[in-house]
Each structure stands twice: as structure tokens, then as C-alpha cells.
Amino acid sequence: MQTNHPRLVILGAAESGVGAALLGKQQGWDVFVSDGGKIKDNFRETLLQKDIEFEEGAHSIDKILNAACVVKSPGISDKTAIMKQVRESGIEVCSEIEFGFRYKGDSKIIAITGSNGKSTTTKLTYHLLKQADYDVAMVGNIGYSFARQIAEQPCKWYVMEVSSFQLDDIHQFRPDVAVLLNITPDHLDRYDYSFDNYVASKFRITRNQNTADYFIVNRDDKAIEEYLATHTIHAKIIYFTMNENNIEDEGGMNKHNMRDEGGYINNERLYIAFGGEYMDMSIHDLTLPGKHNQYNSMAAGISARVAGVRKEKIRESFGGFEGLEHRLEFVATVRGVDFINDSKATNVNSVWYALESMKKPTILILGGQDKGNDYSEILELVKEKVKVIVCLGLDNTPIHDFFGNVTETIVDTKSAVEAVHAAYLFAEKGDVVLLSPACASFDLFKNFEDRGQQFKEAVKEL
């Protein structure tokens, strides 16, 4: 096929793929979209409206291997047959955030990554900028794709949630502000079962940063600390911490004169220092519960200060923030029993954070598609707080094997309705029922949103 325009092939026709297709078309590329599965109706309609060539249900090798550039969906592994052929051909492969970056103009990017808390911190940072009347969009794994936003409604600021999969295929992508919240084992099947490979992938967010940029990072995270000890970061590093030992040591934050920059929590107050100014507020004025959300709030608050938001506006905006759906979302109180939807908790570390924030005796709904979970991380919290485990999944053997001698009662269920009814049966007034599965949802549900929605509907029917 002869064309005067360079050929852009996009693998995967969901939000990121269609976003890249729209931007590519707008920028004069000859665009072809290929999806090995079925394309959802809304995405197919967009491609048809914009007269973008596409295929579904298969990959036509001859149409793909004549590309100048391939934009790969984050969900497609390099281990797939199509990607092996693309890599062997020597064609440039980039992620959608990399493709979007090339057309962002002089806009600014705050990019947020980590194993847990990305979505909440992204939404909170966006909220802080939006409340300060910034021209800002929330993009990436939450909201529209970066490329679609640039094509349809470019902004001066982008607050972006990025995953390790997206970072794996960046070349020039350089955020003005990069945030790394934490690193715990996740998705190791994509990284040859090497935690070191996964850590290196997360740190790619700093790869192209220079001394004019900022890297906001959790000083209390062991994996982060170990990486920083042996690698050079060119951006200006700003730490946040809850560890008192870090507050006053050399290179940390000094709580007496606040000359240094960063965030910390001390005596139930959150402090943020930047540019010779500092702000503080009671942690009880934050609308999000739990220690993990104090970390998220420090990261978001520092990001907003770096972006130039006034400290008074940040303090005011923190109080008006509503959390994410499916992340420690309060659903209802039924006859004295609270129901909490944390369906977004698809790994063990997320469940640790959820249990850590529980103040009442807990019936824990756990299970789904197990990713080789190590439940020892939550063992002590389960012993301390959990009365009953309700399993929600097709194969609950790993949960029975690990917790069989830990809790008196473990029951199996195979639907959200069953799980809610079983949990309610064991709950007493003053208890909390927590859906925090630690597993993927695909054995019984379309995705974690579907699981959370069905849980909420079941609670409302009680």
C-alpha cells in the first residue's frame, strides 16, 4: 500500500488505542488499528466516524509490519506472537503516552505511578489543580487517554495516572513532575517473575527527567530506597514520609525551620513544605480514611504546590474531595452493619491498606482470580481485625490453605449476592463488611468495576 504519509499501526482498540488513532489521524499519519478481539461498540463507532481503517478478531501481519511506528496497548505482552514479530522487524514501538507526548506542545505533565494509590492520588491532584482554576485534564489510566485529550481538547496541564506497562515503551516521555507512591510485587508475570525488573520499570518515569523537573517520592518504601541508593536521578527529588527518623535526618525534612522541601505527618498533622513556605493541617480534616490516603494526600499536595497552587487553596480543597468509586467506598449501613466496596483492591498490598484503615470488627470478602498471591503480608491484620472470611471466586483453595487455621469461619460463594448475604449472616451490629478481594475479577465478573457494582446492588437489596 503506497502512501505519502508515514504509517501508524495501533495494536488494541480500547481507550488508549483509539486515542492514539485519533491523534495520529489529526497529525497526518496513515492510521491502521488492529485488535485481536472484538472492538466495543463505542470505540468501533468512533473509528468509523473518523474514517480510520481497522480490523478486529485477528491481526493481519502484512498490514502491521509495514508500519513506521507501532503504538501498543498496555495490555498486550511482548510474549504474544504478534509482538514478537513486530520486535523482530525492528519497527519502532511506543506506548500511547509516548505518542501523545510528541504532540503535547508546551503543556505541563504531572505523572503518577506506583503499585497502589495511583488512581486516588491522580484524582486528588487533579481536584487540587481544578479547584485552583487551572486549565487541567485528568488522563491516562483514569479518564480519557492522553492522546485523545490532546487531539480533542488540549490543556495547559495534564495529571496522568501511568502504569509500568505504559512506561515500558517510552522513549522521550518526560513529565515535569513525576510521582512514585510505592512499589510492591504486582504483574510479575510480565517481568519474568523478577521484582527487580518491575522496580526498574516503575523508575522509568524518571528516565528523561532533568534538573528542571521534580521527582516526588515515598521515602518510607524499602524498594524505592534500595533503588535510589544505587541509581542516579537527575530531577530534583522531594520526599514525603511518616517515619519520624526521616523527618530530621540529613537530607530529610526539618520540622523546626522547614528550610527543606517535602511532606511529613507528625502528631496527627500533615505538613507540606515547598519554595520556602509550608502549610499544615489536621489529618482529621482529610476526607479520605486510612494511612495510605495520608501518603496519597502528601504526594498530591506537594505536586500541587510544585505546580504553583497556593497553600490556602490546597488546604481548602482537601476538605471537599470525594474518593474513588470502588476504592474504600462506603456503600450503606444496614441494621448497624457498614458495607465498604474496595473492589479495586486487586492485590494483597491494597488489602493491607484497606484492613489497616478498618476500626471495627470486619467480615472480609476475599478472592477471585488469584495471581499467585502471598497472603502472609496481611496475616497479622487478619488475625487482629477479621472475624470471618467470605470467599468470592471459582477456586478459593489458596485462601483456605493459608487462612484455614487463622479464622474460625471461611465460607465459599460464587456471586456478589451470595457473598453479601453470607457476610450479613455473620455480621453483628457494629461490624463492617469489607469487599477487598486481593484478586483479579475475571473468573466471575467483567472487571473490578462490575464486581463492585454488583456488590453495591446486592447491599441495596438487603
Protein backbone atom coordinates (compact mmCIF):
# COMPACT_ATOMS: atom_id res chain seq x y z
CA MET A 1 0.00 0.00 0.00
CA GLN A 2 1.66 3.23 -1.14
CA THR A 3 1.04 6.43 0.80
CA ASN A 4 2.69 9.82 1.14
CA HIS A 5 2.16 9.74 4.89
CA PRO A 6 4.06 7.60 7.42
CA ARG A 7 2.09 4.56 8.51
CA LEU A 8 0.98 4.31 12.15
CA VAL A 9 -0.25 0.91 13.31
CA ILE A 10 -2.10 0.69 16.59
CA LEU A 11 -2.49 -2.65 18.36
CA GLY A 12 -5.57 -2.68 20.58
CA ALA A 13 -8.73 -0.63 20.08
CA ALA A 14 -9.75 0.37 23.60
CA GLU A 15 -9.35 3.87 25.11
CA SER A 16 -5.59 4.24 24.65
CA GLY A 17 -5.55 2.72 21.15
CA VAL A 18 -8.46 4.75 19.83
CA GLY A 19 -7.00 7.89 21.43
CA ALA A 20 -3.69 7.31 19.62
CA ALA A 21 -5.61 6.67 16.37
CA LEU A 22 -7.49 9.98 16.68
CA LEU A 23 -4.28 11.92 17.36
CA GLY A 24 -2.41 10.10 14.60
CA LYS A 25 -5.14 10.86 12.06
CA GLN A 26 -5.20 14.51 13.14
CA GLN A 27 -1.43 14.76 12.73
CA GLY A 28 -1.46 13.34 9.21
CA TRP A 29 -0.41 9.73 9.78
CA ASP A 30 -1.81 6.89 7.68
CA VAL A 31 -3.51 5.06 10.58
CA PHE A 32 -4.43 1.39 10.84
CA VAL A 33 -5.92 -0.13 14.01
CA SER A 34 -5.74 -3.88 14.66
CA ASP A 35 -7.46 -5.64 17.57
CA GLY A 36 -7.18 -9.40 18.04
CA GLY A 37 -10.51 -9.44 19.92
CA LYS A 38 -13.89 -7.80 19.45
CA ILE A 39 -13.93 -3.99 19.47
CA LYS A 40 -16.51 -2.43 21.79
CA ASP A 41 -19.34 -0.64 20.01
CA ASN A 42 -18.45 2.88 21.21
CA PHE A 43 -14.84 2.54 20.04
CA ARG A 44 -15.85 0.99 16.70
CA GLU A 45 -18.29 3.88 16.15
CA THR A 46 -15.52 6.43 16.78
CA LEU A 47 -13.21 4.75 14.27
CA LEU A 48 -15.96 4.62 11.65
CA GLN A 49 -16.90 8.29 12.19
CA LYS A 50 -13.29 9.38 11.74
CA ASP A 51 -12.80 7.12 8.70
CA ILE A 52 -9.93 5.24 10.36
CA GLU A 53 -9.12 1.83 8.88
CA PHE A 54 -9.37 -1.03 11.40
CA GLU A 55 -9.72 -4.78 11.80
CA GLU A 56 -10.93 -6.95 14.69
CA GLY A 57 -10.75 -10.62 15.61
CA ALA A 58 -7.32 -11.08 14.01
CA HIS A 59 -4.01 -9.39 13.23
CA SER A 60 -3.05 -9.06 9.55
CA ILE A 61 0.72 -9.37 9.63
CA ASP A 62 1.26 -7.79 6.19
CA LYS A 63 -0.74 -4.70 7.20
CA ILE A 64 1.13 -4.37 10.50
CA LEU A 65 4.73 -4.95 9.52
CA ASN A 66 4.80 -2.06 7.01
CA ALA A 67 4.44 0.48 9.83
CA ALA A 68 6.86 3.30 10.60
CA CYS A 69 5.69 3.16 14.21
CA VAL A 70 3.54 0.74 16.26
CA VAL A 71 1.59 2.02 19.24
CA LYS A 72 0.94 -0.92 21.54
CA SER A 73 -1.90 -1.23 24.04
CA PRO A 74 -0.52 -1.56 27.60
CA GLY A 75 -2.42 -4.84 27.95
CA ILE A 76 -0.52 -6.61 25.15
CA SER A 77 2.51 -8.54 26.37
CA ASP A 78 5.75 -8.74 24.41
CA LYS A 79 5.38 -12.52 24.75
CA THR A 80 2.46 -12.58 22.25
CA ALA A 81 3.17 -13.87 18.74
CA ILE A 82 2.27 -10.56 17.09
CA MET A 83 4.62 -8.56 19.33
CA LYS A 84 7.49 -10.99 18.79
CA GLN A 85 7.16 -10.44 15.03
CA VAL A 86 6.94 -6.64 15.45
CA ARG A 87 10.02 -6.57 17.69
CA GLU A 88 11.99 -8.80 15.30
CA SER A 89 11.12 -6.49 12.39
CA GLY A 90 12.87 -3.56 14.07
CA ILE A 91 9.83 -1.25 13.79
CA GLU A 92 9.71 1.45 16.48
CA VAL A 93 7.26 0.51 19.25
CA CYS A 94 5.90 3.11 21.64
CA SER A 95 3.14 3.44 24.21
CA GLU A 96 0.21 5.80 23.80
CA ILE A 97 1.62 8.20 26.43
CA GLU A 98 4.87 8.37 24.45
CA PHE A 99 2.97 9.07 21.22
CA GLY A 100 0.88 11.76 22.91
CA PHE A 101 3.96 13.37 24.45
CA ARG A 102 5.32 14.16 20.99
CA TYR A 103 2.33 16.42 20.30
CA LYS A 104 1.76 17.98 23.72
CA GLY A 105 3.26 21.38 22.82
CA ASP A 106 4.37 23.42 25.82
CA SER A 107 1.85 21.89 28.23
CA LYS A 108 2.97 20.51 31.60
CA ILE A 109 2.63 16.95 32.91
CA ILE A 110 2.26 15.58 36.42
CA ALA A 111 2.63 11.79 36.04
CA ILE A 112 1.77 9.48 38.93
CA THR A 113 2.75 5.83 39.28
CA GLY A 114 3.09 3.19 41.99
CA SER A 115 1.68 -0.23 42.81
CA ASN A 116 -1.17 1.19 44.90
CA GLY A 117 -2.92 4.53 45.25
CA LYS A 118 -2.31 5.80 41.69
CA SER A 119 -5.93 6.47 40.84
CA THR A 120 -6.78 8.17 44.14
CA THR A 121 -3.66 10.36 44.04
CA THR A 122 -4.26 11.26 40.38
CA LYS A 123 -7.86 12.23 41.06
CA LEU A 124 -6.88 14.18 44.18
CA THR A 125 -4.06 16.07 42.40
CA TYR A 126 -6.44 16.89 39.53
CA HIS A 127 -9.01 18.10 42.08
CA LEU A 128 -6.45 20.43 43.73
CA LEU A 129 -5.50 21.99 40.37
CA LYS A 130 -9.08 22.17 39.12
CA GLN A 131 -10.25 23.92 42.30
CA ALA A 132 -7.48 26.46 41.71
CA ASP A 133 -8.97 27.15 38.25
CA TYR A 134 -6.13 25.57 36.28
CA ASP A 135 -6.68 24.53 32.65
CA VAL A 136 -6.20 20.85 33.50
CA ALA A 137 -7.29 17.39 32.37
CA MET A 138 -7.09 14.02 34.14
CA VAL A 139 -5.75 11.41 31.70
CA GLY A 140 -4.04 8.03 31.40
CA ASN A 141 -5.46 5.01 33.18
CA ILE A 142 -8.21 7.22 34.59
CA GLY A 143 -10.41 9.40 32.40
CA TYR A 144 -9.56 9.87 28.72
CA SER A 145 -6.32 8.68 27.20
CA PHE A 146 -3.57 11.31 26.97
CA ALA A 147 -3.55 11.16 23.16
CA ARG A 148 -7.33 11.60 22.86
CA GLN A 149 -7.26 14.60 25.19
CA ILE A 150 -4.52 16.26 23.10
CA ALA A 151 -6.46 15.57 19.90
CA GLU A 152 -9.86 16.75 21.15
CA GLN A 153 -9.31 19.24 23.96
CA PRO A 154 -5.68 20.15 24.66
CA CYS A 155 -4.93 21.68 28.08
CA LYS A 156 -2.07 23.52 29.77
CA TRP A 157 -1.75 20.84 32.48
CA TYR A 158 -2.22 17.08 32.41
CA VAL A 159 -2.46 15.00 35.59
CA MET A 160 -1.77 11.48 34.44
CA GLU A 161 -2.01 8.03 36.01
CA VAL A 162 0.62 5.79 34.42
CA SER A 163 1.26 2.08 34.81
CA SER A 164 4.52 0.19 34.45
CA PHE A 165 3.17 -1.27 31.18
CA GLN A 166 2.85 2.24 29.72
CA LEU A 167 6.32 3.21 30.95
CA ASP A 168 7.92 0.13 29.35
CA ASP A 169 7.54 1.66 25.88
CA ILE A 170 8.52 5.28 26.44
CA HIS A 171 11.48 6.88 24.64
CA GLN A 172 11.18 10.67 25.02
CA PHE A 173 8.29 10.91 27.52
CA ARG A 174 9.32 13.34 30.25
CA PRO A 175 6.95 14.53 32.98
CA ASP A 176 7.64 17.90 34.59
CA VAL A 177 6.59 16.32 37.88
CA ALA A 178 6.88 12.56 38.43
CA VAL A 179 5.36 10.90 41.48
CA LEU A 180 6.26 7.40 42.74
CA LEU A 181 4.00 6.32 45.59
CA ASN A 182 5.21 2.82 46.45
CA ILE A 183 6.41 -0.43 44.87
CA THR A 184 5.12 -3.85 45.90
CA PRO A 185 5.12 -7.07 43.83
CA ASP A 186 2.45 -6.98 41.11
CA HIS A 187 2.18 -8.10 37.47
CA LEU A 188 5.41 -10.07 37.87
CA ASP A 189 4.31 -12.43 35.08
CA ARG A 190 5.08 -9.53 32.68
CA TYR A 191 8.56 -9.06 34.16
CA ASP A 192 9.95 -12.59 34.00
CA TYR A 193 8.88 -13.03 37.65
CA SER A 194 11.64 -10.61 38.69
CA PHE A 195 10.75 -7.93 41.25
CA ASP A 196 13.93 -6.02 40.26
CA ASN A 197 12.65 -5.79 36.67
CA TYR A 198 9.31 -4.45 37.93
CA VAL A 199 11.05 -1.85 40.14
CA ALA A 200 13.19 -0.72 37.20
CA SER A 201 10.03 -0.38 35.10
CA LYS A 202 8.42 1.95 37.66
CA PHE A 203 11.57 4.10 37.79
CA ARG A 204 11.41 4.61 34.00
CA ILE A 205 9.11 7.52 34.89
CA THR A 206 12.34 9.45 35.73
CA ARG A 207 14.27 8.26 32.68
CA ASN A 208 14.21 11.52 30.68
CA GLN A 209 13.83 14.00 33.52
CA ASN A 210 16.43 16.72 34.01
CA THR A 211 17.39 19.17 36.76
CA ALA A 212 14.43 21.44 35.90
CA ASP A 213 11.98 18.62 36.75
CA TYR A 214 10.73 17.22 40.05
CA PHE A 215 10.55 13.66 41.37
CA ILE A 216 8.19 13.28 44.34
CA VAL A 217 8.81 10.01 46.10
CA ASN A 218 7.87 7.98 49.19
CA ARG A 219 10.90 7.81 51.46
CA ASP A 220 9.36 5.02 53.59
CA ASP A 221 9.24 2.44 50.79
CA LYS A 222 12.01 -0.16 51.03
CA ALA A 223 12.17 -0.99 47.31
CA ILE A 224 12.35 2.69 46.40
CA GLU A 225 15.04 3.36 49.00
CA GLU A 226 17.18 0.46 47.74
CA TYR A 227 16.91 1.59 44.11
CA LEU A 228 17.78 5.21 44.91
CA ALA A 229 20.86 4.07 46.84
CA THR A 230 22.42 2.67 43.65
CA HIS A 231 20.98 4.82 40.84
CA THR A 232 21.26 8.49 39.83
CA ILE A 233 18.12 10.57 39.43
CA HIS A 234 18.59 13.85 37.53
CA ALA A 235 15.37 15.52 38.65
CA LYS A 236 15.10 17.42 41.94
CA ILE A 237 13.90 14.84 44.49
CA ILE A 238 11.23 15.78 47.02
CA TYR A 239 10.41 13.19 49.68
CA PHE A 240 7.31 12.50 51.74
CA THR A 241 7.40 10.36 54.86
CA MET A 242 5.65 9.26 58.05
CA ASN A 243 8.81 7.85 59.59
CA GLU A 244 9.98 10.18 62.38
CA ASN A 245 13.57 9.07 61.79
CA ASN A 246 13.38 10.62 58.32
CA ILE A 247 11.98 13.97 59.39
CA GLU A 248 15.09 15.47 60.90
CA ASP A 249 17.98 13.46 59.46
CA GLU A 250 20.38 14.93 56.94
CA GLY A 251 18.70 15.40 53.58
CA GLY A 252 15.25 14.93 55.06
CA MET A 253 12.69 17.48 56.19
CA ASN A 254 13.39 19.64 59.21
CA LYS A 255 10.23 20.16 61.20
CA HIS A 256 11.64 23.12 63.12
CA ASN A 257 12.68 25.59 60.41
CA MET A 258 11.14 23.90 57.35
CA ARG A 259 14.02 25.03 55.11
CA ASP A 260 13.90 21.74 53.25
CA GLU A 261 11.13 20.69 50.91
CA GLY A 262 8.78 17.75 51.26
CA GLY A 263 5.88 16.35 53.22
CA TYR A 264 5.53 14.58 56.53
CA ILE A 265 2.99 13.68 59.19
CA ASN A 266 3.69 14.35 62.85
CA ASN A 267 1.35 14.44 65.85
CA GLU A 268 -1.67 13.87 63.57
CA ARG A 269 -0.84 16.89 61.44
CA LEU A 270 0.13 16.86 57.76
CA TYR A 271 2.95 19.25 56.79
CA ILE A 272 3.98 20.26 53.25
CA ALA A 273 6.98 22.49 52.56
CA PHE A 274 7.91 23.99 49.20
CA GLY A 275 9.53 27.17 47.96
CA GLY A 276 10.31 28.49 51.43
CA GLU A 277 6.67 28.21 52.55
CA TYR A 278 4.93 25.48 54.48
CA MET A 279 1.36 24.52 55.20
CA ASP A 280 -0.09 22.19 57.78
CA MET A 281 -3.49 20.78 58.62
CA SER A 282 -5.03 18.12 60.83
CA ILE A 283 -5.16 14.66 59.25
CA HIS A 284 -8.76 14.55 60.53
CA ASP A 285 -9.66 17.27 58.04
CA LEU A 286 -8.77 14.93 55.15
CA THR A 287 -11.90 13.33 53.71
CA LEU A 288 -10.16 10.03 52.81
CA PRO A 289 -9.68 7.43 55.57
CA GLY A 290 -6.57 5.36 56.26
CA LYS A 291 -2.83 5.73 56.50
CA HIS A 292 -2.37 5.03 52.78
CA ASN A 293 -4.53 8.04 51.94
CA GLN A 294 -2.32 10.22 54.14
CA TYR A 295 0.56 9.19 51.87
CA ASN A 296 -1.60 9.89 48.80
CA SER A 297 -2.55 13.30 50.20
CA MET A 298 1.08 14.27 50.84
CA ALA A 299 2.03 13.30 47.27
CA ALA A 300 -0.91 15.22 45.78
CA GLY A 301 -0.34 18.26 47.99
CA ILE A 302 3.36 18.51 47.10
CA SER A 303 2.53 18.08 43.39
CA ALA A 304 0.00 20.92 43.58
CA ARG A 305 2.50 23.19 45.38
CA VAL A 306 5.16 22.46 42.74
CA ALA A 307 2.53 23.34 40.11
CA GLY A 308 2.05 26.69 41.83
CA VAL A 309 -1.24 26.17 43.66
CA ARG A 310 -1.49 28.37 46.77
CA LYS A 311 -1.29 26.53 50.09
CA GLU A 312 -4.58 28.08 51.30
CA LYS A 313 -6.35 26.69 48.25
CA ILE A 314 -4.84 23.23 48.81
CA ARG A 315 -5.94 23.15 52.44
CA GLU A 316 -9.47 24.22 51.47
CA SER A 317 -9.68 21.75 48.56
CA PHE A 318 -8.52 18.74 50.59
CA GLY A 319 -11.68 19.00 52.66
CA GLY A 320 -14.03 18.87 49.67
CA PHE A 321 -12.58 15.84 47.91
CA GLU A 322 -14.70 12.76 47.24
CA GLY A 323 -12.87 9.45 46.88
CA LEU A 324 -12.89 7.00 44.00
CA GLU A 325 -15.69 4.59 43.26
CA HIS A 326 -14.68 1.01 44.18
CA ARG A 327 -11.81 2.20 46.42
CA LEU A 328 -12.82 2.06 50.11
CA GLU A 329 -16.20 3.38 49.00
CA PHE A 330 -18.84 3.49 51.75
CA VAL A 331 -22.00 1.86 50.37
CA ALA A 332 -24.59 1.75 53.18
CA THR A 333 -25.27 0.88 56.80
CA VAL A 334 -27.82 -1.93 57.10
CA ARG A 335 -29.15 -2.52 60.65
CA GLY A 336 -25.92 -1.29 62.19
CA VAL A 337 -23.58 -3.10 59.75
CA ASP A 338 -21.40 -0.95 57.46
CA PHE A 339 -20.69 -2.16 53.91
CA ILE A 340 -17.50 -0.97 52.17
CA ASN A 341 -16.73 -1.53 48.48
CA ASP A 342 -12.99 -1.86 47.81
CA SER A 343 -13.32 -3.92 44.62
CA LYS A 344 -10.35 -2.04 43.11
CA ALA A 345 -8.09 -3.87 45.60
CA THR A 346 -6.78 -6.49 43.16
CA ASN A 347 -3.56 -7.28 45.04
CA VAL A 348 -2.61 -8.17 48.62
CA ASN A 349 -0.94 -4.86 49.37
CA SER A 350 -4.17 -2.99 48.59
CA VAL A 351 -6.00 -5.23 51.08
CA TRP A 352 -3.35 -4.44 53.70
CA TYR A 353 -4.13 -0.74 53.31
CA ALA A 354 -7.87 -1.39 53.49
CA LEU A 355 -7.64 -3.53 56.63
CA GLU A 356 -5.25 -1.05 58.22
CA SER A 357 -7.97 1.62 57.96
CA MET A 358 -10.73 -0.55 59.49
CA LYS A 359 -11.70 0.47 63.03
CA LYS A 360 -14.48 -2.10 63.57
CA PRO A 361 -14.64 -5.94 63.62
CA THR A 362 -14.54 -6.97 59.95
CA ILE A 363 -16.10 -9.61 57.74
CA LEU A 364 -13.71 -9.74 54.79
CA ILE A 365 -14.85 -10.73 51.28
CA LEU A 366 -11.76 -12.07 49.54
CA GLY A 367 -10.97 -13.98 46.35
CA GLY A 368 -11.27 -14.13 42.59
CA GLN A 369 -8.62 -14.90 40.03
CA ASP A 370 -5.52 -15.43 42.17
CA LYS A 371 -2.24 -14.09 40.72
CA GLY A 372 -0.01 -16.24 42.92
CA ASN A 373 -0.77 -14.12 46.00
CA ASP A 374 1.38 -14.21 49.12
CA TYR A 375 -1.16 -13.66 51.89
CA SER A 376 1.46 -13.50 54.66
CA GLU A 377 1.54 -9.71 54.21
CA ILE A 378 -1.98 -9.38 55.67
CA LEU A 379 -1.75 -12.25 58.18
CA GLU A 380 -1.35 -10.10 61.31
CA LEU A 381 -4.13 -7.68 60.27
CA VAL A 382 -6.48 -10.59 59.54
CA LYS A 383 -5.73 -12.09 62.98
CA GLU A 384 -6.33 -8.73 64.62
CA LYS A 385 -9.41 -7.48 62.76
CA VAL A 386 -11.18 -10.18 60.73
CA LYS A 387 -13.96 -12.33 62.23
CA VAL A 388 -14.99 -14.22 59.09
CA ILE A 389 -13.62 -14.61 55.56
CA VAL A 390 -16.18 -14.90 52.78
CA CYS A 391 -14.59 -16.22 49.59
CA LEU A 392 -15.89 -14.86 46.28
CA GLY A 393 -14.39 -16.86 43.44
CA LEU A 394 -14.43 -20.07 41.43
CA ASP A 395 -11.29 -21.51 43.07
CA ASN A 396 -10.81 -20.49 46.70
CA THR A 397 -8.24 -23.18 47.56
CA PRO A 398 -5.32 -20.74 48.13
CA ILE A 399 -7.40 -18.78 50.67
CA HIS A 400 -8.50 -21.93 52.53
CA ASP A 401 -4.94 -23.24 52.53
CA PHE A 402 -3.49 -20.07 54.00
CA PHE A 403 -6.22 -18.88 56.38
CA GLY A 404 -7.73 -22.25 57.37
CA ASN A 405 -6.16 -22.12 60.84
CA VAL A 406 -6.29 -18.34 61.19
CA THR A 407 -10.01 -17.52 61.22
CA GLU A 408 -12.72 -19.71 62.68
CA THR A 409 -15.00 -19.38 59.68
CA ILE A 410 -14.33 -19.36 55.92
CA VAL A 411 -17.28 -19.72 53.55
CA ASP A 412 -17.40 -20.08 49.75
CA THR A 413 -19.69 -18.05 47.48
CA LYS A 414 -19.88 -17.70 43.72
CA SER A 415 -21.80 -14.44 43.21
CA ALA A 416 -21.93 -10.96 44.70
CA VAL A 417 -25.43 -11.61 46.03
CA GLU A 418 -24.32 -14.82 47.74
CA ALA A 419 -21.27 -13.11 49.23
CA VAL A 420 -23.27 -10.17 50.60
CA HIS A 421 -25.90 -12.46 52.13
CA ALA A 422 -23.29 -14.73 53.70
CA ALA A 423 -21.37 -11.76 55.13
CA TYR A 424 -24.56 -10.22 56.50
CA LEU A 425 -25.48 -13.52 58.14
CA PHE A 426 -22.27 -13.49 60.19
CA ALA A 427 -22.23 -9.75 60.89
CA GLU A 428 -23.43 -8.17 64.12
CA LYS A 429 -24.40 -4.59 64.83
CA GLY A 430 -21.21 -2.50 64.89
CA ASP A 431 -19.35 -4.74 62.39
CA VAL A 432 -18.16 -3.83 58.92
CA VAL A 433 -18.38 -5.94 55.75
CA LEU A 434 -15.40 -5.18 53.53
CA LEU A 435 -15.16 -6.29 49.90
CA SER A 436 -11.39 -6.15 49.31
CA PRO A 437 -10.65 -9.17 47.12
CA ALA A 438 -6.82 -9.16 46.59
CA CYS A 439 -7.51 -10.88 43.27
CA ALA A 440 -8.49 -10.09 39.70
CA SER A 441 -12.21 -10.30 38.94
CA PHE A 442 -12.28 -12.11 35.62
CA ASP A 443 -13.40 -15.52 36.92
CA LEU A 444 -16.90 -14.25 37.77
CA PHE A 445 -17.10 -10.64 36.57
CA LYS A 446 -16.25 -8.48 33.54
CA ASN A 447 -13.83 -6.34 35.59
CA PHE A 448 -13.39 -4.89 39.08
CA GLU A 449 -16.00 -2.19 38.33
CA ASP A 450 -18.59 -4.85 37.50
CA ARG A 451 -17.71 -6.72 40.72
CA GLY A 452 -18.05 -3.55 42.79
CA GLN A 453 -21.31 -2.57 41.10
CA GLN A 454 -22.87 -5.98 41.70
CA PHE A 455 -21.73 -5.83 45.34
CA LYS A 456 -23.37 -2.42 45.81
CA GLU A 457 -26.61 -3.56 44.19
CA ALA A 458 -26.69 -6.66 46.41
CA VAL A 459 -26.23 -4.48 49.51
CA LYS A 460 -29.03 -2.17 48.46
CA GLU A 461 -31.36 -5.16 48.08
CA LEU A 462 -30.79 -6.35 51.67
